[in-house]
Amino acid sequence: MWDYKKIKWYEWEKIVADYYRSKSYNILGQNYTIKWWEIDIVAENSKEVVFIEVKVVDSLDDIQGCVNSKKISFLERSIEDYIAKQNIDKDIRLDVVFVKDNIIIQVYENVTNN
């Protein structure tokens, strides 16, 4: 069962990575694990680096509450760690992308804890 879920998860992340590639982003990495959290996808273009959280949902109703302030706080700390280790000198952004049935149903750009 775990292998099936892992394979499906990679499929969902590939869909999201392909979406960002279609918008002229270069994928820097996937599944970057840091002390506090895992960053699903890191992408960049000439102006910014985007950290992408992929969420799989069963319905649009699931979107509310999927990413709460505690989770965003963990992601922000992970992003800070990544930036320090990789010497990032571009603007940064945190996006959350919701996938249902192998289709991107919602993209929230520049999500913050504020």
C-alpha atoms as a PDB file:
ATOM      1  CA  MET A   1       0.000   0.000   0.000  1.00  0.00           C
ATOM      2  CA  TRP A   2       2.817   2.431   0.853  1.00  0.00           C
ATOM      3  CA  ASP A   3       4.461   1.945  -2.536  1.00  0.00           C
ATOM      4  CA  TYR A   4       1.178   2.767  -4.296  1.00  0.00           C
ATOM      5  CA  LYS A   5       0.758   5.972  -2.284  1.00  0.00           C
ATOM      6  CA  LYS A   6       4.365   6.959  -2.908  1.00  0.00           C
ATOM      7  CA  ILE A   7       3.972   6.403  -6.656  1.00  0.00           C
ATOM      8  CA  LYS A   8       0.745   8.436  -6.714  1.00  0.00           C
ATOM      9  CA  TRP A   9       2.387  11.227  -4.722  1.00  0.00           C
ATOM     10  CA  TYR A  10       5.213  11.468  -7.238  1.00  0.00           C
ATOM     11  CA  GLU A  11       2.611  11.641 -10.026  1.00  0.00           C
ATOM     12  CA  TRP A  12       0.851  14.538  -8.297  1.00  0.00           C
ATOM     13  CA  GLU A  13       4.114  16.370  -7.726  1.00  0.00           C
ATOM     14  CA  LYS A  14       5.071  15.816 -11.372  1.00  0.00           C
ATOM     15  CA  ILE A  15       1.782  17.410 -12.468  1.00  0.00           C
ATOM     16  CA  VAL A  16       2.568  20.462 -10.341  1.00  0.00           C
ATOM     17  CA  ALA A  17       6.213  20.601 -11.464  1.00  0.00           C
ATOM     18  CA  ASP A  18       5.081  20.439 -15.102  1.00  0.00           C
ATOM     19  CA  TYR A  19       2.634  23.285 -14.435  1.00  0.00           C
ATOM     20  CA  TYR A  20       5.478  25.497 -13.173  1.00  0.00           C
ATOM     21  CA  ARG A  21       7.721  24.451 -16.072  1.00  0.00           C
ATOM     22  CA  SER A  22       4.960  25.569 -18.448  1.00  0.00           C
ATOM     23  CA  LYS A  23       5.175  28.977 -16.770  1.00  0.00           C
ATOM     24  CA  SER A  24       8.943  29.165 -17.503  1.00  0.00           C
ATOM     25  CA  TYR A  25      10.151  28.032 -14.085  1.00  0.00           C
ATOM     26  CA  ASN A  26      13.147  25.767 -13.654  1.00  0.00           C
ATOM     27  CA  ILE A  27      12.669  23.029 -11.051  1.00  0.00           C
ATOM     28  CA  LEU A  28      15.570  23.198  -8.600  1.00  0.00           C
ATOM     29  CA  GLY A  29      14.519  20.233  -6.522  1.00  0.00           C
ATOM     30  CA  GLN A  30      11.776  18.121  -5.074  1.00  0.00           C
ATOM     31  CA  ASN A  31      11.204  16.671  -1.623  1.00  0.00           C
ATOM     32  CA  TYR A  32      13.842  18.820   0.059  1.00  0.00           C
ATOM     33  CA  THR A  33      13.816  17.555   3.622  1.00  0.00           C
ATOM     34  CA  ILE A  34      14.899  19.895   6.363  1.00  0.00           C
ATOM     35  CA  LYS A  35      14.885  19.585  10.119  1.00  0.00           C
ATOM     36  CA  TRP A  36      11.363  20.928  10.456  1.00  0.00           C
ATOM     37  CA  TRP A  37       9.570  19.968   7.280  1.00  0.00           C
ATOM     38  CA  GLU A  38       9.730  18.887   3.676  1.00  0.00           C
ATOM     39  CA  ILE A  39       9.460  21.318   0.819  1.00  0.00           C
ATOM     40  CA  ASP A  40       7.669  19.490  -1.990  1.00  0.00           C
ATOM     41  CA  ILE A  41       9.017  21.497  -4.929  1.00  0.00           C
ATOM     42  CA  VAL A  42      11.503  24.348  -5.314  1.00  0.00           C
ATOM     43  CA  ALA A  43      11.331  26.266  -8.588  1.00  0.00           C
ATOM     44  CA  GLU A  44      12.878  29.447  -9.927  1.00  0.00           C
ATOM     45  CA  ASN A  45      12.687  31.889 -12.770  1.00  0.00           C
ATOM     46  CA  SER A  46      14.895  34.901 -13.461  1.00  0.00           C
ATOM     47  CA  LYS A  47      13.241  36.952 -10.695  1.00  0.00           C
ATOM     48  CA  GLU A  48      12.274  34.638  -7.860  1.00  0.00           C
ATOM     49  CA  VAL A  49      12.451  31.294  -6.137  1.00  0.00           C
ATOM     50  CA  VAL A  50       9.135  29.621  -5.408  1.00  0.00           C
ATOM     51  CA  PHE A  51       8.635  27.047  -2.679  1.00  0.00           C
ATOM     52  CA  ILE A  52       5.628  24.883  -3.485  1.00  0.00           C
ATOM     53  CA  GLU A  53       3.493  22.855  -1.110  1.00  0.00           C
ATOM     54  CA  VAL A  54       1.401  20.229  -2.913  1.00  0.00           C
ATOM     55  CA  LYS A  55      -1.876  19.266  -1.259  1.00  0.00           C
ATOM     56  CA  VAL A  56      -4.106  16.468  -2.534  1.00  0.00           C
ATOM     57  CA  VAL A  57      -7.784  16.934  -1.739  1.00  0.00           C
ATOM     58  CA  ASP A  58     -11.010  15.050  -2.364  1.00  0.00           C
ATOM     59  CA  SER A  59     -13.126  18.154  -2.873  1.00  0.00           C
ATOM     60  CA  LEU A  60     -13.007  21.926  -2.928  1.00  0.00           C
ATOM     61  CA  ASP A  61     -14.398  21.865   0.608  1.00  0.00           C
ATOM     62  CA  ASP A  62     -11.160  20.234   1.778  1.00  0.00           C
ATOM     63  CA  ILE A  63      -9.116  23.285   0.806  1.00  0.00           C
ATOM     64  CA  GLN A  64     -10.245  25.291   3.817  1.00  0.00           C
ATOM     65  CA  GLY A  65      -8.102  24.308   6.776  1.00  0.00           C
ATOM     66  CA  CYS A  66      -5.664  22.250   4.712  1.00  0.00           C
ATOM     67  CA  VAL A  67      -2.904  24.739   5.336  1.00  0.00           C
ATOM     68  CA  ASN A  68      -3.195  26.366   8.723  1.00  0.00           C
ATOM     69  CA  SER A  69      -0.954  28.991  10.285  1.00  0.00           C
ATOM     70  CA  LYS A  70       1.081  26.342  12.162  1.00  0.00           C
ATOM     71  CA  LYS A  71       1.903  24.515   8.927  1.00  0.00           C
ATOM     72  CA  ILE A  72       2.799  27.780   7.181  1.00  0.00           C
ATOM     73  CA  SER A  73       5.075  28.637  10.093  1.00  0.00           C
ATOM     74  CA  PHE A  74       6.900  25.294   9.711  1.00  0.00           C
ATOM     75  CA  LEU A  75       7.210  25.840   5.971  1.00  0.00           C
ATOM     76  CA  GLU A  76       8.552  29.367   6.477  1.00  0.00           C
ATOM     77  CA  ARG A  77      11.239  28.053   8.831  1.00  0.00           C
ATOM     78  CA  SER A  78      12.191  25.390   6.312  1.00  0.00           C
ATOM     79  CA  ILE A  79      12.381  27.996   3.569  1.00  0.00           C
ATOM     80  CA  GLU A  80      14.645  30.173   5.722  1.00  0.00           C
ATOM     81  CA  ASP A  81      16.931  27.180   6.244  1.00  0.00           C
ATOM     82  CA  TYR A  82      16.990  26.405   2.513  1.00  0.00           C
ATOM     83  CA  ILE A  83      17.760  30.036   1.641  1.00  0.00           C
ATOM     84  CA  ALA A  84      20.643  30.145   4.100  1.00  0.00           C
ATOM     85  CA  LYS A  85      22.147  26.856   2.893  1.00  0.00           C
ATOM     86  CA  GLN A  86      21.740  27.619  -0.809  1.00  0.00           C
ATOM     87  CA  ASN A  87      22.707  31.326  -0.635  1.00  0.00           C
ATOM     88  CA  ILE A  88      19.528  32.432  -2.388  1.00  0.00           C
ATOM     89  CA  ASP A  89      19.644  36.076  -3.419  1.00  0.00           C
ATOM     90  CA  LYS A  90      16.291  36.420  -5.177  1.00  0.00           C
ATOM     91  CA  ASP A  91      12.789  37.250  -4.105  1.00  0.00           C
ATOM     92  CA  ILE A  92      11.004  34.256  -2.615  1.00  0.00           C
ATOM     93  CA  ARG A  93       7.432  33.082  -2.620  1.00  0.00           C
ATOM     94  CA  LEU A  94       5.457  30.256  -1.012  1.00  0.00           C
ATOM     95  CA  ASP A  95       2.716  28.724  -3.156  1.00  0.00           C
ATOM     96  CA  VAL A  96       0.192  26.061  -2.210  1.00  0.00           C
ATOM     97  CA  VAL A  97      -1.195  23.964  -5.040  1.00  0.00           C
ATOM     98  CA  PHE A  98      -4.254  21.755  -4.613  1.00  0.00           C
ATOM     99  CA  VAL A  99      -4.624  18.643  -6.747  1.00  0.00           C
ATOM    100  CA  LYS A 100      -7.724  16.479  -7.154  1.00  0.00           C
ATOM    101  CA  ASP A 101      -7.971  13.479  -9.479  1.00  0.00           C
ATOM    102  CA  ASN A 102      -4.632  14.342 -11.126  1.00  0.00           C
ATOM    103  CA  ILE A 103      -5.826  17.861 -11.977  1.00  0.00           C
ATOM    104  CA  ILE A 104      -4.679  21.113 -10.416  1.00  0.00           C
ATOM    105  CA  ILE A 105      -7.837  22.682  -9.030  1.00  0.00           C
ATOM    106  CA  GLN A 106      -6.405  25.693  -7.218  1.00  0.00           C
ATOM    107  CA  VAL A 107      -3.105  27.552  -6.983  1.00  0.00           C
ATOM    108  CA  TYR A 108      -2.572  30.005  -4.151  1.00  0.00           C
ATOM    109  CA  GLU A 109       0.455  32.173  -4.797  1.00  0.00           C
ATOM    110  CA  ASN A 110       2.458  34.011  -2.156  1.00  0.00           C
ATOM    111  CA  VAL A 111       0.879  32.397   0.884  1.00  0.00           C
ATOM    112  CA  THR A 112       2.176  33.832   4.133  1.00  0.00           C
ATOM    113  CA  ASN A 113       1.488  33.550   7.807  1.00  0.00           C
ATOM    114  CA  ASN A 114       0.465  37.222   8.045  1.00  0.00           C
END
